[in-house]
Amino acid sequence: MNDYTSPMGRAVFLAILAAIIIKIFLFDFILADGDSMSPTIENGTVLLINKLQYGLRVPGSQKYLIRWALPKPGEIVVFYAPGGDLVVKRCEELKDHDTFVARGDNGLQSYDSRSYGNIHTDNIIGRVLGIR
């Protein structure tokens, strides 16, 4: 009997498939690296990211299939910075519905839009939903 045809094999397969779909499309965990969001988010903090907050993205790309929201000022978002790094910053201001100003909570210690300019909203991965 094939492992995938047994009830236990099917259950394990479906659980793994569900976990992959959740991680790709719905939620993800990341570990904060750096002090740019201190004191709100300390280095080494585990963050829960809601990937569906602003729309449905094409996995592995910087394109949204469907967008239903934009970040609001004050929301903490995860996005790709111009150098390609995945970063966590606060949305300070939305501009022209295509870009936003990203700022770290750690004042002048943060490498953010003051250094690299506005961020295109397509670069957003999701919103920080939980901090542990």
C-alpha atoms as a PDB file:
ATOM      1  CA  MET A   1       0.000   0.000   0.000  1.00  0.00           C
ATOM      2  CA  ASN A   2       1.332   3.450  -0.979  1.00  0.00           C
ATOM      3  CA  ASP A   3       2.050   5.846   1.931  1.00  0.00           C
ATOM      4  CA  TYR A   4      -0.216   8.531   0.403  1.00  0.00           C
ATOM      5  CA  THR A   5      -3.191   6.200   0.055  1.00  0.00           C
ATOM      6  CA  SER A   6      -3.346   5.239   3.720  1.00  0.00           C
ATOM      7  CA  PRO A   7      -5.470   7.506   5.963  1.00  0.00           C
ATOM      8  CA  MET A   8      -2.415   8.500   8.013  1.00  0.00           C
ATOM      9  CA  GLY A   9      -0.343   9.227   4.894  1.00  0.00           C
ATOM     10  CA  ARG A  10      -3.100  11.402   3.432  1.00  0.00           C
ATOM     11  CA  ALA A  11      -3.483  13.295   6.705  1.00  0.00           C
ATOM     12  CA  VAL A  12       0.249  14.012   6.905  1.00  0.00           C
ATOM     13  CA  PHE A  13       0.367  15.043   3.249  1.00  0.00           C
ATOM     14  CA  LEU A  14      -2.637  17.391   3.642  1.00  0.00           C
ATOM     15  CA  ALA A  15      -1.180  18.908   6.837  1.00  0.00           C
ATOM     16  CA  ILE A  16       2.116  19.660   5.088  1.00  0.00           C
ATOM     17  CA  LEU A  17       0.299  21.076   2.063  1.00  0.00           C
ATOM     18  CA  ALA A  18      -1.869  23.292   4.294  1.00  0.00           C
ATOM     19  CA  ALA A  19       1.206  24.573   6.170  1.00  0.00           C
ATOM     20  CA  ILE A  20       2.939  25.471   2.897  1.00  0.00           C
ATOM     21  CA  ILE A  21      -0.135  27.299   1.575  1.00  0.00           C
ATOM     22  CA  ILE A  22      -0.526  29.220   4.843  1.00  0.00           C
ATOM     23  CA  LYS A  23       3.150  30.261   4.809  1.00  0.00           C
ATOM     24  CA  ILE A  24       3.122  31.325   1.145  1.00  0.00           C
ATOM     25  CA  PHE A  25      -0.196  33.179   1.051  1.00  0.00           C
ATOM     26  CA  LEU A  26      -1.538  33.951   4.542  1.00  0.00           C
ATOM     27  CA  PHE A  27       0.861  34.283   7.467  1.00  0.00           C
ATOM     28  CA  ASP A  28       4.559  34.038   8.182  1.00  0.00           C
ATOM     29  CA  PHE A  29       6.931  34.450  11.097  1.00  0.00           C
ATOM     30  CA  ILE A  30      10.137  36.445  10.891  1.00  0.00           C
ATOM     31  CA  LEU A  31      12.838  37.285  13.386  1.00  0.00           C
ATOM     32  CA  ALA A  32      13.595  41.001  13.823  1.00  0.00           C
ATOM     33  CA  ASP A  33      17.230  41.783  13.103  1.00  0.00           C
ATOM     34  CA  GLY A  34      18.546  45.141  14.274  1.00  0.00           C
ATOM     35  CA  ASP A  35      17.461  48.014  16.473  1.00  0.00           C
ATOM     36  CA  SER A  36      15.804  50.386  13.995  1.00  0.00           C
ATOM     37  CA  MET A  37      12.327  49.728  15.474  1.00  0.00           C
ATOM     38  CA  SER A  38      13.428  49.865  19.109  1.00  0.00           C
ATOM     39  CA  PRO A  39      11.784  50.223  21.617  1.00  0.00           C
ATOM     40  CA  THR A  40       8.637  48.873  19.877  1.00  0.00           C
ATOM     41  CA  ILE A  41      10.429  45.858  18.371  1.00  0.00           C
ATOM     42  CA  GLU A  42      13.707  44.723  19.889  1.00  0.00           C
ATOM     43  CA  ASN A  43      16.428  42.777  18.089  1.00  0.00           C
ATOM     44  CA  GLY A  44      15.567  39.060  18.092  1.00  0.00           C
ATOM     45  CA  THR A  45      11.815  39.553  18.488  1.00  0.00           C
ATOM     46  CA  VAL A  46       9.541  37.093  16.663  1.00  0.00           C
ATOM     47  CA  LEU A  47       6.991  38.838  14.432  1.00  0.00           C
ATOM     48  CA  LEU A  48       3.777  37.406  12.980  1.00  0.00           C
ATOM     49  CA  ILE A  49       3.147  38.819   9.488  1.00  0.00           C
ATOM     50  CA  ASN A  50      -0.305  39.008   7.887  1.00  0.00           C
ATOM     51  CA  LYS A  51       0.450  38.564   4.190  1.00  0.00           C
ATOM     52  CA  LEU A  52      -3.178  39.144   3.165  1.00  0.00           C
ATOM     53  CA  GLN A  53      -3.545  42.553   4.844  1.00  0.00           C
ATOM     54  CA  TYR A  54      -3.150  44.529   1.633  1.00  0.00           C
ATOM     55  CA  GLY A  55      -3.941  41.989  -1.072  1.00  0.00           C
ATOM     56  CA  LEU A  56      -3.015  38.692  -2.693  1.00  0.00           C
ATOM     57  CA  ARG A  57       0.559  38.585  -4.011  1.00  0.00           C
ATOM     58  CA  VAL A  58       2.061  36.397  -6.687  1.00  0.00           C
ATOM     59  CA  PRO A  59       4.457  34.137  -4.702  1.00  0.00           C
ATOM     60  CA  GLY A  60       8.098  35.006  -5.289  1.00  0.00           C
ATOM     61  CA  SER A  61       7.380  38.269  -7.071  1.00  0.00           C
ATOM     62  CA  GLN A  62       6.702  41.888  -6.264  1.00  0.00           C
ATOM     63  CA  LYS A  63       3.295  41.922  -7.911  1.00  0.00           C
ATOM     64  CA  TYR A  64      -0.173  41.803  -6.403  1.00  0.00           C
ATOM     65  CA  LEU A  65      -2.853  39.785  -8.187  1.00  0.00           C
ATOM     66  CA  ILE A  66      -5.500  41.724  -6.270  1.00  0.00           C
ATOM     67  CA  ARG A  67      -4.984  44.664  -3.928  1.00  0.00           C
ATOM     68  CA  TRP A  68      -7.755  45.593  -1.506  1.00  0.00           C
ATOM     69  CA  ALA A  69      -5.978  47.944   0.893  1.00  0.00           C
ATOM     70  CA  LEU A  70      -2.966  50.206   1.341  1.00  0.00           C
ATOM     71  CA  PRO A  71      -0.947  50.733   4.509  1.00  0.00           C
ATOM     72  CA  LYS A  72      -2.257  53.362   6.885  1.00  0.00           C
ATOM     73  CA  PRO A  73       0.014  55.770   8.740  1.00  0.00           C
ATOM     74  CA  GLY A  74       1.168  54.144  11.965  1.00  0.00           C
ATOM     75  CA  GLU A  75       0.988  50.542  10.726  1.00  0.00           C
ATOM     76  CA  ILE A  76       4.152  48.458  10.992  1.00  0.00           C
ATOM     77  CA  VAL A  77       4.864  46.792   7.657  1.00  0.00           C
ATOM     78  CA  VAL A  78       7.376  44.315   6.256  1.00  0.00           C
ATOM     79  CA  PHE A  79       8.743  45.153   2.818  1.00  0.00           C
ATOM     80  CA  TYR A  80      11.706  44.864   0.509  1.00  0.00           C
ATOM     81  CA  ALA A  81      13.965  47.929   0.738  1.00  0.00           C
ATOM     82  CA  PRO A  82      15.654  49.248  -2.436  1.00  0.00           C
ATOM     83  CA  GLY A  83      18.747  47.091  -1.781  1.00  0.00           C
ATOM     84  CA  GLY A  84      16.582  43.956  -1.652  1.00  0.00           C
ATOM     85  CA  ASP A  85      16.740  43.503   2.136  1.00  0.00           C
ATOM     86  CA  LEU A  86      13.586  42.462   3.965  1.00  0.00           C
ATOM     87  CA  VAL A  87      12.910  45.199   6.550  1.00  0.00           C
ATOM     88  CA  VAL A  88      10.344  46.153   9.185  1.00  0.00           C
ATOM     89  CA  LYS A  89       9.363  49.818   9.498  1.00  0.00           C
ATOM     90  CA  ARG A  90       6.397  51.980  10.327  1.00  0.00           C
ATOM     91  CA  CYS A  91       4.347  53.533   7.519  1.00  0.00           C
ATOM     92  CA  GLU A  92       4.536  57.239   8.220  1.00  0.00           C
ATOM     93  CA  GLU A  93       2.749  58.649   5.216  1.00  0.00           C
ATOM     94  CA  LEU A  94       1.124  57.306   2.060  1.00  0.00           C
ATOM     95  CA  LYS A  95       1.986  59.232  -1.116  1.00  0.00           C
ATOM     96  CA  ASP A  96       0.179  59.049  -4.449  1.00  0.00           C
ATOM     97  CA  HIS A  97      -1.335  55.618  -3.578  1.00  0.00           C
ATOM     98  CA  ASP A  98       1.806  54.031  -5.047  1.00  0.00           C
ATOM     99  CA  THR A  99       4.498  54.903  -2.510  1.00  0.00           C
ATOM    100  CA  PHE A 100       4.847  55.403   1.209  1.00  0.00           C
ATOM    101  CA  VAL A 101       7.343  56.886   3.639  1.00  0.00           C
ATOM    102  CA  ALA A 102       8.883  54.251   5.928  1.00  0.00           C
ATOM    103  CA  ARG A 103      10.413  55.228   9.253  1.00  0.00           C
ATOM    104  CA  GLY A 104      11.979  53.295  12.060  1.00  0.00           C
ATOM    105  CA  ASP A 105      10.939  54.023  15.638  1.00  0.00           C
ATOM    106  CA  ASN A 106      14.563  54.447  16.733  1.00  0.00           C
ATOM    107  CA  GLY A 107      14.885  58.011  15.447  1.00  0.00           C
ATOM    108  CA  LEU A 108      18.203  58.798  13.846  1.00  0.00           C
ATOM    109  CA  GLN A 109      19.487  55.243  14.414  1.00  0.00           C
ATOM    110  CA  SER A 110      17.168  53.871  11.722  1.00  0.00           C
ATOM    111  CA  TYR A 111      18.083  53.301   8.080  1.00  0.00           C
ATOM    112  CA  ASP A 112      14.754  54.158   6.425  1.00  0.00           C
ATOM    113  CA  SER A 113      13.106  56.453   3.850  1.00  0.00           C
ATOM    114  CA  ARG A 114      15.283  59.333   5.024  1.00  0.00           C
ATOM    115  CA  SER A 115      18.166  57.380   3.464  1.00  0.00           C
ATOM    116  CA  TYR A 116      16.629  55.489   0.541  1.00  0.00           C
ATOM    117  CA  GLY A 117      13.486  57.464  -0.313  1.00  0.00           C
ATOM    118  CA  ASN A 118       9.875  56.398  -0.652  1.00  0.00           C
ATOM    119  CA  ILE A 119       8.928  52.736  -0.995  1.00  0.00           C
ATOM    120  CA  HIS A 120       6.614  51.418  -3.705  1.00  0.00           C
ATOM    121  CA  THR A 121       3.566  49.704  -2.231  1.00  0.00           C
ATOM    122  CA  ASP A 122       4.230  46.617  -4.390  1.00  0.00           C
ATOM    123  CA  ASN A 123       7.320  45.965  -2.231  1.00  0.00           C
ATOM    124  CA  ILE A 124       5.151  45.310   0.836  1.00  0.00           C
ATOM    125  CA  ILE A 125       5.044  41.706   2.042  1.00  0.00           C
ATOM    126  CA  GLY A 126       2.506  42.306   4.798  1.00  0.00           C
ATOM    127  CA  ARG A 127       1.599  43.940   8.076  1.00  0.00           C
ATOM    128  CA  VAL A 128       3.039  43.007  11.454  1.00  0.00           C
ATOM    129  CA  LEU A 129       0.160  41.424  13.305  1.00  0.00           C
ATOM    130  CA  GLY A 130       1.852  40.238  16.459  1.00  0.00           C
ATOM    131  CA  ILE A 131       5.053  40.802  18.384  1.00  0.00           C
ATOM    132  CA  ARG A 132       6.511  38.183  20.782  1.00  0.00           C
END
